[in-house]
Protein backbone atom coordinates (compact mmCIF):
# COMPACT_ATOMS: atom_id res chain seq x y z
CA MET A 1 -30.55 -11.87 -11.24
CA ASP A 2 -33.58 -11.90 -8.99
CA LEU A 3 -34.17 -8.78 -6.96
CA PRO A 4 -32.12 -8.81 -3.75
CA GLU A 5 -33.80 -9.43 -0.42
CA PRO A 6 -32.46 -6.21 1.18
CA MET A 7 -34.83 -3.35 0.33
CA ARG A 8 -32.25 -0.63 0.94
CA VAL A 9 -28.59 -0.16 1.83
CA ILE A 10 -27.65 2.38 4.49
CA PHE A 11 -24.10 3.70 4.74
CA LEU A 12 -23.14 5.06 8.15
CA GLU A 13 -20.33 7.41 9.12
CA SER A 14 -18.98 5.32 11.95
CA GLY A 15 -15.95 7.38 12.86
CA GLY A 16 -12.90 5.51 14.11
CA GLU A 17 -12.20 1.83 14.52
CA GLU A 18 -13.45 1.74 18.12
CA ASN A 19 -16.86 3.09 17.08
CA ARG A 20 -17.15 0.56 14.24
CA ALA A 21 -16.38 -2.23 16.67
CA GLN A 22 -19.03 -1.09 19.14
CA LEU A 23 -21.67 -0.90 16.41
CA MET A 24 -20.83 -4.39 15.17
CA VAL A 25 -20.87 -5.88 18.66
CA ALA A 26 -24.25 -4.24 19.34
CA ASN A 27 -25.68 -5.61 16.05
CA GLU A 28 -26.17 -2.07 14.78
CA MET A 29 -23.97 -2.56 11.71
CA ASP A 30 -23.88 -5.43 9.22
CA ALA A 31 -20.60 -4.75 7.40
CA ALA A 32 -17.72 -2.57 8.53
CA GLN A 33 -14.59 -1.07 7.08
CA ALA A 34 -11.26 -2.69 7.90
CA VAL A 35 -10.15 -3.17 11.50
CA THR A 36 -6.95 -4.38 13.12
CA LEU A 37 -6.52 -7.94 14.32
CA GLY A 38 -6.83 -7.10 18.01
CA THR A 39 -10.07 -5.20 17.43
CA PHE A 40 -11.50 -8.00 15.31
CA GLU A 41 -10.72 -10.65 17.91
CA ALA A 42 -12.34 -8.51 20.63
CA MET A 43 -15.43 -8.04 18.45
CA GLN A 44 -15.73 -11.75 17.74
CA PHE A 45 -15.28 -12.62 21.42
CA GLN A 46 -18.20 -10.36 22.34
CA ASN A 47 -20.35 -11.25 19.33
CA PRO A 48 -19.78 -14.72 17.75
CA ASN A 49 -21.89 -13.63 14.75
CA VAL A 50 -19.02 -11.46 13.52
CA ILE A 51 -17.06 -13.20 10.73
CA ALA A 52 -14.26 -12.39 8.26
CA TRP A 53 -12.88 -13.76 4.98
CA PHE A 54 -10.98 -16.57 6.76
CA ASP A 55 -12.13 -18.35 9.91
CA ASP A 56 -8.60 -18.22 11.37
CA LEU A 57 -5.43 -16.21 10.91
CA PRO A 58 -4.77 -14.21 8.84
CA TYR A 59 -8.59 -13.57 8.69
CA ALA A 60 -7.94 -10.84 6.13
CA TRP A 61 -8.47 -10.77 2.38
CA PRO A 62 -5.49 -9.52 0.32
CA ASP A 63 -6.58 -6.31 -1.35
CA PRO A 64 -5.00 -5.73 -4.82
CA CYS A 65 -3.54 -2.34 -3.85
CA ALA A 66 -0.21 -3.22 -2.23
CA ARG A 67 1.07 -0.62 0.23
CA GLN A 68 4.05 1.60 -0.51
CA MET A 69 5.85 4.81 0.40
CA GLU A 70 6.29 7.44 -2.32
CA PHE A 71 9.11 9.95 -2.62
CA ASN A 72 8.75 13.44 -3.98
CA THR A 73 11.73 13.15 -6.30
CA THR A 74 11.90 16.92 -6.82
CA VAL A 75 12.72 17.70 -3.17
CA ALA A 76 16.24 17.48 -1.72
CA PRO A 77 17.69 15.20 -0.51
CA TRP A 78 15.13 12.78 -1.98
CA ASP A 79 15.94 13.94 -5.49
CA ASN A 80 19.16 11.97 -4.92
CA VAL A 81 18.84 8.34 -6.01
CA ASP A 82 21.37 7.26 -3.37
CA MET A 83 19.34 8.73 -0.55
CA ARG A 84 16.11 7.13 -1.74
CA ARG A 85 17.87 3.77 -2.00
CA ALA A 86 19.25 4.18 1.51
CA VAL A 87 15.75 4.71 2.94
CA GLU A 88 14.49 1.62 1.14
CA MET A 89 17.33 -0.42 2.63
CA LEU A 90 16.54 0.84 6.15
CA ILE A 91 12.97 -0.45 6.11
CA ASP A 92 12.35 -3.77 7.84
CA ARG A 93 9.21 -5.08 6.16
CA ASN A 94 8.97 -8.06 8.50
CA GLN A 95 8.60 -5.69 11.42
CA ILE A 96 5.81 -3.84 9.62
CA VAL A 97 4.01 -7.16 9.12
CA ASN A 98 4.48 -8.24 12.73
CA VAL A 99 3.80 -4.93 14.48
CA ALA A 100 1.53 -2.81 12.28
CA TYR A 101 -0.43 -5.71 10.78
CA GLU A 102 -0.12 -8.21 13.63
CA GLY A 103 0.83 -10.95 11.15
CA THR A 104 -2.17 -10.58 8.85
CA THR A 105 -0.18 -9.83 5.68
CA GLN A 106 3.23 -10.41 4.06
CA PRO A 107 6.12 -8.28 2.75
CA SER A 108 5.99 -7.11 -0.85
CA ARG A 109 8.58 -8.65 -3.14
CA SER A 110 7.95 -6.20 -5.99
CA MET A 111 5.55 -3.41 -6.91
CA PHE A 112 2.80 -5.94 -7.64
CA VAL A 113 0.03 -7.60 -5.70
CA GLN A 114 1.04 -11.19 -4.96
CA TYR A 115 -1.88 -12.95 -6.63
CA GLY A 116 -1.30 -16.23 -8.46
CA ALA A 117 -1.69 -14.65 -11.89
CA MET A 118 1.08 -12.17 -11.10
CA GLU A 119 3.55 -14.76 -9.81
CA PRO A 120 5.33 -15.34 -13.17
CA PHE A 121 6.13 -11.63 -13.38
CA ILE A 122 7.19 -11.34 -9.74
CA SER A 123 9.40 -14.43 -10.03
CA ALA A 124 11.04 -13.02 -13.16
CA VAL A 125 11.71 -9.72 -11.38
CA GLU A 126 13.36 -11.58 -8.50
CA ALA A 127 15.35 -13.86 -10.80
CA ALA A 128 16.79 -10.77 -12.49
CA GLY A 129 17.82 -9.37 -9.10
CA ASN A 130 15.34 -6.52 -9.39
CA GLY A 131 13.02 -7.33 -6.49
CA PHE A 132 12.90 -6.17 -2.88
CA THR A 133 13.82 -8.08 0.25
CA ALA A 134 11.97 -8.19 3.55
CA ASP A 135 14.99 -7.57 5.77
CA ALA A 136 16.68 -4.23 6.39
CA ASP A 137 20.36 -3.55 5.66
CA VAL A 138 21.07 -0.77 8.12
CA ALA A 139 24.85 -0.86 7.80
CA GLY A 140 24.67 -0.75 4.01
CA ALA A 141 22.19 2.12 4.07
CA GLN A 142 24.28 4.12 6.53
CA ALA A 143 27.35 3.64 4.35
CA ILE A 144 25.43 5.18 1.43
CA ILE A 145 24.28 8.12 3.56
CA GLU A 146 27.82 8.76 4.80
CA ALA A 147 29.19 8.51 1.26
CA ASN A 148 26.90 11.45 0.44
CA GLY A 149 28.64 13.61 3.04
CA TYR A 150 26.44 13.12 6.08
CA VAL A 151 28.03 12.73 9.51
CA MET A 152 26.33 11.20 12.55
CA GLY A 153 25.79 13.83 15.24
CA ASP A 154 26.00 13.33 19.00
CA ASP A 155 22.21 13.00 19.07
CA GLY A 156 22.32 10.01 16.75
CA ILE A 157 20.99 11.95 13.75
CA TYR A 158 22.90 12.48 10.52
CA GLU A 159 23.69 16.04 9.56
CA LEU A 160 25.21 17.89 6.63
CA ASP A 161 26.43 21.49 6.78
CA GLY A 162 24.76 21.89 10.16
CA GLU A 163 21.37 20.65 8.97
CA ASP A 164 19.77 17.44 10.27
CA LEU A 165 18.72 14.77 7.77
CA THR A 166 14.92 14.85 8.11
CA ALA A 167 12.04 12.88 6.63
CA ASN A 168 8.44 14.08 6.91
CA ILE A 169 5.99 11.35 5.89
CA HIS A 170 2.41 12.33 5.07
CA VAL A 171 -0.19 9.71 5.91
CA ASN A 172 -3.98 9.54 5.72
CA SER A 173 -5.23 9.59 9.30
CA ALA A 174 -8.46 7.74 8.42
CA SER A 175 -7.18 4.27 9.27
CA ALA A 176 -5.13 2.66 12.01
CA GLU A 177 -3.53 0.47 9.31
CA TYR A 178 -1.99 3.51 7.65
CA THR A 179 -0.84 5.35 10.76
CA ARG A 180 0.52 2.25 12.48
CA THR A 181 2.62 1.40 9.42
CA ILE A 182 4.13 4.86 9.27
CA ASP A 183 4.77 4.84 13.02
CA VAL A 184 6.88 1.70 12.54
CA ILE A 185 8.78 3.24 9.62
CA VAL A 186 9.38 6.48 11.53
CA GLU A 187 10.89 4.51 14.40
CA GLN A 188 13.10 2.50 12.02
CA LEU A 189 14.42 5.63 10.31
CA ASN A 190 15.05 7.44 13.58
CA ARG A 191 17.03 4.50 14.98
CA ALA A 192 19.19 4.55 11.86
CA GLY A 193 19.97 8.28 12.03
CA ILE A 194 17.21 10.01 10.02
CA SER A 195 15.03 12.45 11.95
CA ALA A 196 11.67 11.19 10.73
CA ARG A 197 8.16 12.14 11.73
CA ALA A 198 4.65 11.23 10.63
CA VAL A 199 2.43 13.99 9.23
CA PRO A 200 -1.15 12.66 9.56
CA VAL A 201 -3.80 14.57 7.61
CA GLU A 202 -7.50 14.04 6.99
CA ASN A 203 -8.66 11.86 4.12
CA SER A 204 -9.96 14.74 1.98
CA VAL A 205 -6.75 16.72 2.40
CA PHE A 206 -4.55 13.71 1.69
CA TRP A 207 -6.27 12.72 -1.54
CA GLY A 208 -7.44 16.17 -2.55
CA GLU A 209 -4.25 18.17 -2.01
CA VAL A 210 -1.20 16.35 -0.67
CA LEU A 211 -0.85 13.50 -3.15
CA PRO A 212 -2.10 14.96 -6.45
CA LEU A 213 -0.25 18.26 -6.02
CA GLY A 214 3.00 16.67 -4.86
CA GLY A 215 2.90 18.48 -1.52
CA TYR A 216 5.00 15.99 0.42
CA ASP A 217 8.54 14.73 0.98
CA MET A 218 7.35 11.16 1.44
CA SER A 219 3.85 9.74 1.61
CA TYR A 220 2.13 6.45 2.37
CA SER A 221 -0.15 5.20 -0.40
CA TRP A 222 -0.94 2.39 -2.83
CA LEU A 223 -0.66 4.21 -6.13
CA SER A 224 0.94 1.30 -8.02
CA CYS A 225 -2.47 -0.36 -7.77
CA GLY A 226 -4.10 -1.63 -10.96
CA SER A 227 -2.63 -4.96 -12.06
CA VAL A 228 -4.23 -8.17 -10.86
CA ASN A 229 -3.50 -10.56 -13.74
CA GLU A 230 -1.22 -8.57 -16.06
CA PRO A 231 1.56 -6.05 -15.34
CA TRP A 232 0.87 -3.10 -17.61
CA ALA A 233 -1.91 -1.41 -15.60
CA SER A 234 0.35 -0.83 -12.61
CA MET A 235 3.57 -0.14 -14.47
CA ASN A 236 1.93 2.45 -16.71
CA ARG A 237 1.30 4.64 -13.67
CA TYR A 238 5.01 5.53 -13.41
CA THR A 239 5.93 6.51 -16.95
CA ASN A 240 6.93 10.06 -17.91
CA ALA A 241 3.95 10.40 -20.25
CA THR A 242 1.85 12.65 -18.00
CA ILE A 243 4.10 14.38 -15.48
CA ALA A 244 2.60 17.57 -14.07
CA PRO A 245 4.64 20.31 -12.38
CA ILE A 246 4.57 20.40 -8.58
CA GLY A 247 1.44 22.29 -7.53
CA GLU A 248 -0.59 21.03 -10.50
CA ARG A 249 -2.66 17.87 -10.26
CA ALA A 250 -1.02 14.66 -11.36
CA PRO A 251 -3.42 13.14 -13.92
CA GLY A 252 -5.09 10.08 -12.43
CA PHE A 253 -2.70 10.25 -9.44
CA ASN A 254 -0.04 8.84 -11.79
CA ASN A 255 3.60 9.47 -10.88
CA THR A 256 2.71 11.93 -8.12
CA GLY A 257 6.37 11.95 -7.05
CA ARG A 258 7.34 13.37 -10.47
CA TRP A 259 9.98 10.70 -11.20
CA ASP A 260 11.54 12.01 -14.41
CA THR A 261 15.09 10.90 -15.19
CA ASP A 262 16.89 9.07 -17.97
CA ALA A 263 15.88 5.88 -16.19
CA THR A 264 12.24 6.98 -16.34
CA ALA A 265 12.56 7.45 -20.08
CA ALA A 266 14.02 3.96 -20.53
CA TYR A 267 11.34 2.51 -18.27
CA THR A 268 8.63 4.36 -20.21
CA GLU A 269 9.84 3.00 -23.54
CA ILE A 270 9.54 -0.58 -22.31
CA VAL A 271 6.15 -0.08 -20.68
CA GLN A 272 4.69 1.67 -23.70
CA GLN A 273 5.86 -1.16 -25.94
CA MET A 274 4.20 -3.63 -23.56
CA GLY A 275 0.97 -1.71 -24.03
CA THR A 276 0.94 -2.54 -27.74
CA MET A 277 1.41 -6.28 -27.21
CA ALA A 278 -1.17 -8.99 -26.69
CA VAL A 279 -1.88 -9.96 -23.10
CA GLY A 280 -0.18 -13.30 -22.56
CA ASP A 281 2.69 -12.66 -24.98
CA PRO A 282 5.56 -14.56 -23.30
CA ALA A 283 8.03 -11.80 -24.19
CA ILE A 284 6.30 -9.53 -21.68
CA VAL A 285 7.69 -11.47 -18.72
CA ASP A 286 11.30 -10.51 -19.48
CA MET A 287 10.26 -6.95 -20.33
CA VAL A 288 8.64 -6.61 -16.91
CA ALA A 289 11.81 -7.82 -15.20
CA GLU A 290 13.90 -5.29 -17.15
CA ALA A 291 11.54 -2.37 -16.53
CA HIS A 292 11.24 -3.21 -12.85
CA GLY A 293 15.02 -2.97 -12.67
CA TYR A 294 14.75 0.80 -13.23
CA LEU A 295 12.27 1.05 -10.34
CA ALA A 296 14.54 -0.98 -8.08
CA ALA A 297 17.59 1.09 -9.04
CA GLU A 298 16.03 4.55 -8.66
CA VAL A 299 13.34 3.80 -6.03
CA PRO A 300 10.72 6.48 -6.85
CA PHE A 301 8.59 4.57 -4.34
CA VAL A 302 9.23 1.83 -1.79
CA PRO A 303 7.02 -1.27 -1.98
CA LEU A 304 6.22 -2.17 1.63
CA VAL A 305 3.68 -4.92 2.28
CA GLN A 306 0.66 -6.52 0.73
CA ALA A 307 -2.64 -4.91 1.71
CA ALA A 308 -4.68 -6.83 4.25
CA LYS A 309 -8.37 -6.03 4.47
CA LEU A 310 -9.84 -7.49 7.63
CA LEU A 311 -13.47 -6.67 6.87
CA PRO A 312 -15.95 -7.78 9.54
CA PHE A 313 -19.43 -9.00 8.56
CA ASN A 314 -22.31 -9.56 10.97
CA THR A 315 -24.53 -12.61 10.40
CA THR A 316 -27.17 -11.65 12.98
CA TYR A 317 -29.64 -10.33 10.42
CA TRP A 318 -28.15 -11.32 7.07
CA THR A 319 -26.23 -14.35 5.83
CA GLY A 320 -24.49 -15.07 2.53
CA TRP A 321 -21.54 -12.73 3.01
CA PRO A 322 -18.49 -13.57 0.83
CA THR A 323 -15.83 -15.69 2.54
CA SER A 324 -12.94 -17.86 1.40
CA GLU A 325 -15.34 -20.82 1.40
CA ASN A 326 -18.21 -18.89 -0.18
CA ASN A 327 -16.05 -16.94 -2.58
CA TYR A 328 -18.51 -15.82 -5.22
CA ASN A 329 -17.16 -12.29 -4.74
CA HIS A 330 -14.37 -10.50 -2.91
CA PRO A 331 -15.54 -8.82 0.32
CA ALA A 332 -14.80 -5.24 -0.76
CA PHE A 333 -18.33 -3.91 -0.62
CA TRP A 334 -17.31 -0.36 -1.64
CA TRP A 335 -16.39 -1.38 -5.20
CA GLY A 336 -18.57 -1.80 -8.28
CA SER A 337 -19.13 -5.47 -7.55
CA ALA A 338 -20.78 -4.76 -4.19
CA HIS A 339 -24.12 -5.39 -5.91
CA GLN A 340 -23.16 -9.07 -6.08
CA ILE A 341 -22.97 -9.18 -2.29
CA ILE A 342 -26.35 -7.50 -1.96
CA HIS A 343 -27.92 -10.03 -4.35
CA ASN A 344 -26.48 -12.93 -2.34
CA LEU A 345 -27.70 -11.85 1.08
CA GLU A 346 -30.49 -13.77 2.74
CA LYS A 347 -32.35 -13.05 5.93
CA ALA A 348 -30.97 -14.96 8.89
CA GLU A 349 -33.30 -17.54 10.38
């Protein structure tokens, strides 16, 4: 390729979403990290040169790392499959979409990103009854909790042997997307009888200590990320091949919740066999559906929603940013393909 027009690229520490918005409006930033819908619309109203992937709703580009909530499967009561399943049933994904994401994404139907190439696998998972639904089943979840000995207290919180049923959910405080999602989930769990609270921590602590060392009860993440056109890359992250003890780093952030049961072993056998087969082998579709059944049954993590990246670009000084109509590249400028964006930028007239 010809040398790019930009002579240098400057990365700024912009702080929170409000600061990013002010810099974009003032034409002091050309590309910003993700913002919420309300912030984007305010930015665009004040500066018409601010654009996104789509011209209209949902504006956002679907990032391949679908959002989820992980369980630490070594910590009671979340070492109990029934209790993990109950939490999954209590989560109303539609409400997360409508409130936390303001309609810019969609509920996850499986562990996978919902790209076209992944649809045959997702459809097979659903056809086998091993997918996830958008709606909550509060009554069904509460029946499971009560079957495990919990009794609803006068304060509306379940208790067992005098102890409240609690859920502490660690979340990276670096983004409103993350914290708003967990705020919705905390409210849903509290209404259903689980004393839940968000535990926001800084980015370096979250990724450097909390997740890899297993220092959480539940956590918000996207660690099933990997697959975009085949299933193995994501599914291989939850085998029992490289499980570290709590307090030691999970290799590659794989299986940070230490899911290690007979179901994990059966799941691992299928996934490892998939890894020896040619990509495109039609037999893989049914194998994915079967393996995903173990995830759906034991719920080591809860698929939540698809990731929506509403990334603002400023056309005041530079044009040629990637959009749905100029889709030579995805808009994620922090990845290895960001050089393609730089090579496609031209000075604005």
